[in-house]
N, C-alpha and C. Protein backbone atom coordinates (compact mmCIF):
# COMPACT_ATOMS: atom_id res chain seq x y z
N MET A 1 -25.83 103.01 79.40
CA MET A 1 -25.13 102.30 80.45
C MET A 1 -25.99 102.33 81.72
N PRO A 2 -26.31 101.19 82.33
CA PRO A 2 -27.14 101.18 83.54
C PRO A 2 -26.35 101.68 84.75
N ARG A 3 -27.12 102.23 85.66
CA ARG A 3 -26.50 102.72 86.91
C ARG A 3 -25.98 101.53 87.73
N SER A 4 -24.88 101.80 88.43
CA SER A 4 -24.33 100.73 89.26
C SER A 4 -25.08 100.63 90.59
N THR A 5 -25.68 101.71 91.05
CA THR A 5 -26.47 101.67 92.28
C THR A 5 -27.81 102.32 92.03
N SER A 6 -28.83 101.74 92.59
CA SER A 6 -30.16 102.31 92.43
C SER A 6 -30.41 103.30 93.56
N ALA A 7 -31.46 104.07 93.43
CA ALA A 7 -31.84 105.02 94.47
C ALA A 7 -32.17 104.29 95.77
N VAL A 8 -32.78 103.13 95.66
CA VAL A 8 -33.14 102.36 96.84
C VAL A 8 -31.88 101.91 97.59
N SER A 9 -30.91 101.41 96.89
CA SER A 9 -29.69 100.95 97.56
C SER A 9 -28.91 102.15 98.11
N ALA A 10 -28.96 103.28 97.43
CA ALA A 10 -28.30 104.49 97.93
C ALA A 10 -28.96 104.94 99.23
N LEU A 11 -30.28 104.87 99.30
CA LEU A 11 -30.99 105.21 100.54
C LEU A 11 -30.65 104.26 101.67
N GLN A 12 -30.54 102.97 101.34
CA GLN A 12 -30.17 101.98 102.36
C GLN A 12 -28.77 102.26 102.90
N LYS A 13 -27.87 102.60 102.00
CA LYS A 13 -26.50 102.92 102.40
C LYS A 13 -26.49 104.16 103.27
N LEU A 14 -27.26 105.17 102.89
CA LEU A 14 -27.34 106.40 103.66
C LEU A 14 -27.89 106.14 105.06
N GLU A 15 -28.90 105.30 105.17
CA GLU A 15 -29.48 104.95 106.46
C GLU A 15 -28.46 104.23 107.34
N ALA A 16 -27.70 103.34 106.76
CA ALA A 16 -26.67 102.63 107.52
C ALA A 16 -25.59 103.60 108.01
N GLU A 17 -25.21 104.54 107.16
CA GLU A 17 -24.23 105.55 107.54
C GLU A 17 -24.78 106.43 108.67
N ARG A 18 -26.04 106.78 108.58
CA ARG A 18 -26.69 107.61 109.60
C ARG A 18 -26.70 106.89 110.95
N LYS A 19 -27.01 105.59 110.93
CA LYS A 19 -26.99 104.82 112.18
C LYS A 19 -25.59 104.76 112.77
N ALA A 20 -24.60 104.60 111.92
CA ALA A 20 -23.22 104.57 112.40
C ALA A 20 -22.81 105.92 112.99
N LEU A 21 -23.24 107.00 112.35
CA LEU A 21 -22.95 108.33 112.87
C LEU A 21 -23.66 108.58 114.20
N ASP A 22 -24.89 108.11 114.33
CA ASP A 22 -25.63 108.25 115.59
C ASP A 22 -24.90 107.52 116.72
N ALA A 23 -24.41 106.33 116.44
CA ALA A 23 -23.67 105.56 117.45
C ALA A 23 -22.38 106.28 117.81
N ARG A 24 -21.70 106.81 116.83
CA ARG A 24 -20.45 107.56 117.07
C ARG A 24 -20.74 108.80 117.91
N GLN A 25 -21.84 109.49 117.62
CA GLN A 25 -22.21 110.67 118.38
C GLN A 25 -22.48 110.32 119.85
N ARG A 26 -23.20 109.24 120.08
CA ARG A 26 -23.48 108.80 121.46
C ARG A 26 -22.18 108.52 122.21
N ASP A 27 -21.25 107.84 121.56
CA ASP A 27 -19.96 107.53 122.18
C ASP A 27 -19.20 108.82 122.53
N LEU A 28 -19.19 109.77 121.60
CA LEU A 28 -18.48 111.02 121.84
C LEU A 28 -19.15 111.85 122.94
N GLU A 29 -20.48 111.80 123.00
CA GLU A 29 -21.20 112.51 124.06
C GLU A 29 -20.84 111.95 125.43
N ILE A 30 -20.71 110.64 125.52
CA ILE A 30 -20.33 110.00 126.79
C ILE A 30 -18.91 110.42 127.18
N LYS A 31 -18.00 110.41 126.21
CA LYS A 31 -16.62 110.82 126.49
C LYS A 31 -16.56 112.29 126.88
N ALA A 32 -17.32 113.14 126.21
CA ALA A 32 -17.35 114.57 126.53
C ALA A 32 -17.90 114.78 127.94
N ALA A 33 -18.94 114.05 128.31
CA ALA A 33 -19.51 114.17 129.65
C ALA A 33 -18.48 113.76 130.71
N GLN A 34 -17.71 112.73 130.43
CA GLN A 34 -16.66 112.30 131.36
C GLN A 34 -15.60 113.39 131.50
N GLU A 35 -15.20 114.00 130.39
CA GLU A 35 -14.20 115.06 130.44
C GLU A 35 -14.70 116.25 131.25
N VAL A 36 -15.94 116.65 131.02
CA VAL A 36 -16.52 117.78 131.75
C VAL A 36 -16.64 117.43 133.23
N GLY A 37 -17.07 116.22 133.52
CA GLY A 37 -17.19 115.77 134.91
C GLY A 37 -15.86 115.81 135.63
N GLU A 38 -14.80 115.40 134.96
CA GLU A 38 -13.47 115.41 135.58
C GLU A 38 -13.04 116.84 135.90
N VAL A 39 -13.40 117.79 135.04
CA VAL A 39 -13.06 119.19 135.28
C VAL A 39 -13.82 119.72 136.49
N ILE A 40 -15.08 119.33 136.62
CA ILE A 40 -15.94 119.84 137.69
C ILE A 40 -15.59 119.24 139.04
N LEU A 41 -15.21 117.97 139.08
CA LEU A 41 -14.89 117.33 140.36
C LEU A 41 -13.79 118.08 141.08
N GLY A 42 -14.05 118.37 142.34
CA GLY A 42 -13.07 119.06 143.15
C GLY A 42 -13.21 120.57 143.14
N THR A 43 -14.14 121.11 142.36
CA THR A 43 -14.31 122.56 142.30
C THR A 43 -15.36 123.06 143.28
N GLY A 44 -16.12 122.15 143.84
CA GLY A 44 -17.23 122.53 144.70
C GLY A 44 -18.56 122.44 143.99
N LEU A 45 -18.53 122.44 142.67
CA LEU A 45 -19.78 122.34 141.90
C LEU A 45 -20.42 120.97 142.02
N GLU A 46 -19.64 119.97 142.37
CA GLU A 46 -20.22 118.63 142.49
C GLU A 46 -21.21 118.56 143.64
N ALA A 47 -21.19 119.55 144.53
CA ALA A 47 -22.13 119.59 145.65
C ALA A 47 -23.48 120.19 145.24
N PHE A 48 -23.54 120.82 144.07
CA PHE A 48 -24.79 121.40 143.58
C PHE A 48 -25.76 120.27 143.23
N SER A 49 -27.04 120.55 143.33
CA SER A 49 -28.03 119.59 142.85
C SER A 49 -27.91 119.52 141.33
N ALA A 50 -28.41 118.46 140.75
CA ALA A 50 -28.36 118.33 139.29
C ALA A 50 -29.10 119.49 138.63
N LYS A 51 -30.25 119.86 139.20
CA LYS A 51 -31.04 120.96 138.66
C LYS A 51 -30.27 122.28 138.77
N GLY A 52 -29.67 122.52 139.93
CA GLY A 52 -28.91 123.75 140.13
C GLY A 52 -27.70 123.83 139.22
N LEU A 53 -27.00 122.72 139.09
CA LEU A 53 -25.83 122.68 138.22
C LEU A 53 -26.22 122.95 136.77
N ARG A 54 -27.34 122.37 136.36
CA ARG A 54 -27.83 122.61 134.99
C ARG A 54 -28.15 124.08 134.79
N GLN A 55 -28.81 124.70 135.77
CA GLN A 55 -29.17 126.12 135.65
C GLN A 55 -27.93 127.00 135.57
N VAL A 56 -26.95 126.71 136.41
CA VAL A 56 -25.70 127.47 136.38
C VAL A 56 -25.01 127.29 135.04
N ALA A 57 -24.90 126.06 134.58
CA ALA A 57 -24.22 125.77 133.32
C ALA A 57 -24.93 126.44 132.14
N GLU A 58 -26.25 126.38 132.12
CA GLU A 58 -27.00 127.02 131.03
C GLU A 58 -26.81 128.52 131.03
N ALA A 59 -26.86 129.14 132.22
CA ALA A 59 -26.68 130.59 132.32
C ALA A 59 -25.28 131.00 131.86
N LEU A 60 -24.27 130.25 132.32
CA LEU A 60 -22.90 130.56 131.92
C LEU A 60 -22.69 130.31 130.43
N GLY A 61 -23.31 129.25 129.91
CA GLY A 61 -23.20 128.95 128.49
C GLY A 61 -23.78 130.05 127.62
N LYS A 62 -24.89 130.64 128.07
CA LYS A 62 -25.51 131.73 127.30
C LYS A 62 -24.62 132.97 127.30
N LEU A 63 -23.95 133.22 128.41
CA LEU A 63 -23.07 134.38 128.49
C LEU A 63 -21.79 134.20 127.67
N GLY A 64 -21.29 132.99 127.64
CA GLY A 64 -20.01 132.74 126.99
C GLY A 64 -18.90 132.78 128.03
N GLU A 65 -17.77 132.22 127.67
CA GLU A 65 -16.67 132.05 128.63
C GLU A 65 -16.15 133.38 129.16
N ALA A 66 -15.77 134.30 128.28
CA ALA A 66 -15.17 135.56 128.72
C ALA A 66 -16.13 136.38 129.57
N ALA A 67 -17.37 136.51 129.11
CA ALA A 67 -18.36 137.30 129.86
C ALA A 67 -18.67 136.65 131.20
N SER A 68 -18.72 135.33 131.25
CA SER A 68 -18.99 134.63 132.51
C SER A 68 -17.88 134.89 133.52
N ILE A 69 -16.65 134.77 133.09
CA ILE A 69 -15.51 134.99 133.99
C ILE A 69 -15.50 136.44 134.46
N GLU A 70 -15.74 137.35 133.54
CA GLU A 70 -15.77 138.77 133.90
C GLU A 70 -16.86 139.05 134.94
N LYS A 71 -18.04 138.51 134.71
CA LYS A 71 -19.16 138.71 135.63
C LYS A 71 -18.88 138.09 137.00
N LEU A 72 -18.34 136.90 137.01
CA LEU A 72 -18.03 136.23 138.27
C LEU A 72 -16.92 136.95 139.04
N ASN A 73 -15.95 137.47 138.34
CA ASN A 73 -14.87 138.21 139.00
C ASN A 73 -15.36 139.55 139.52
N ALA A 74 -16.39 140.12 138.92
CA ALA A 74 -16.92 141.42 139.33
C ALA A 74 -17.82 141.29 140.55
N ARG A 75 -18.34 140.12 140.83
CA ARG A 75 -19.30 139.92 141.92
C ARG A 75 -18.81 140.43 143.27
N PRO A 76 -17.65 140.01 143.77
CA PRO A 76 -17.23 140.46 145.10
C PRO A 76 -17.09 141.98 145.18
N GLN A 77 -16.64 142.61 144.11
CA GLN A 77 -16.49 144.06 144.09
C GLN A 77 -17.85 144.74 144.14
N ALA A 78 -18.83 144.17 143.45
CA ALA A 78 -20.17 144.76 143.43
C ALA A 78 -20.77 144.71 144.83
N ARG A 79 -20.56 143.63 145.56
CA ARG A 79 -21.09 143.51 146.91
C ARG A 79 -20.43 144.52 147.84
N SER A 80 -19.12 144.66 147.72
CA SER A 80 -18.44 145.58 148.63
C SER A 80 -18.79 147.02 148.29
N ALA A 81 -19.10 147.33 147.04
CA ALA A 81 -19.47 148.69 146.66
C ALA A 81 -20.81 149.07 147.28
N GLY A 82 -21.70 148.11 147.43
CA GLY A 82 -23.01 148.38 147.99
C GLY A 82 -23.04 148.26 149.50
N ALA A 83 -21.97 147.76 150.07
CA ALA A 83 -21.93 147.57 151.53
C ALA A 83 -21.74 148.92 152.22
N PRO A 84 -22.31 149.04 153.40
CA PRO A 84 -22.13 150.30 154.13
C PRO A 84 -20.65 150.50 154.47
N LYS A 85 -20.24 151.76 154.45
CA LYS A 85 -18.85 152.08 154.74
C LYS A 85 -18.62 151.97 156.25
N SER A 86 -17.44 151.51 156.58
CA SER A 86 -17.11 151.41 158.00
C SER A 86 -16.75 152.81 158.51
N PRO A 87 -16.81 153.04 159.79
CA PRO A 87 -16.49 154.35 160.33
C PRO A 87 -15.04 154.75 160.07
N HIS A 88 -14.19 153.78 159.73
CA HIS A 88 -12.78 154.08 159.52
C HIS A 88 -12.49 154.52 158.09
N ASP A 89 -13.49 154.48 157.19
CA ASP A 89 -13.29 154.86 155.78
C ASP A 89 -13.39 156.35 155.58
């Protein structure tokens, strides 16, 4: 019994599917960027330069959400711990 599809036609079909997936990925990336942008607007981060925002985002991304929040919340305490004590302490 002969095959209903040849290897060549299977490759062509696969290439067409790959192109469709690439287009779908581009669309989803645009939507994801819009969602992230909406979250950032109004937080003060929109005032950062593109380079600075990228550096902050990459650093926070490497740490992960929980560790980033923990580290950011610890910052003010770390500064006050190293600050000289007032005469009233």
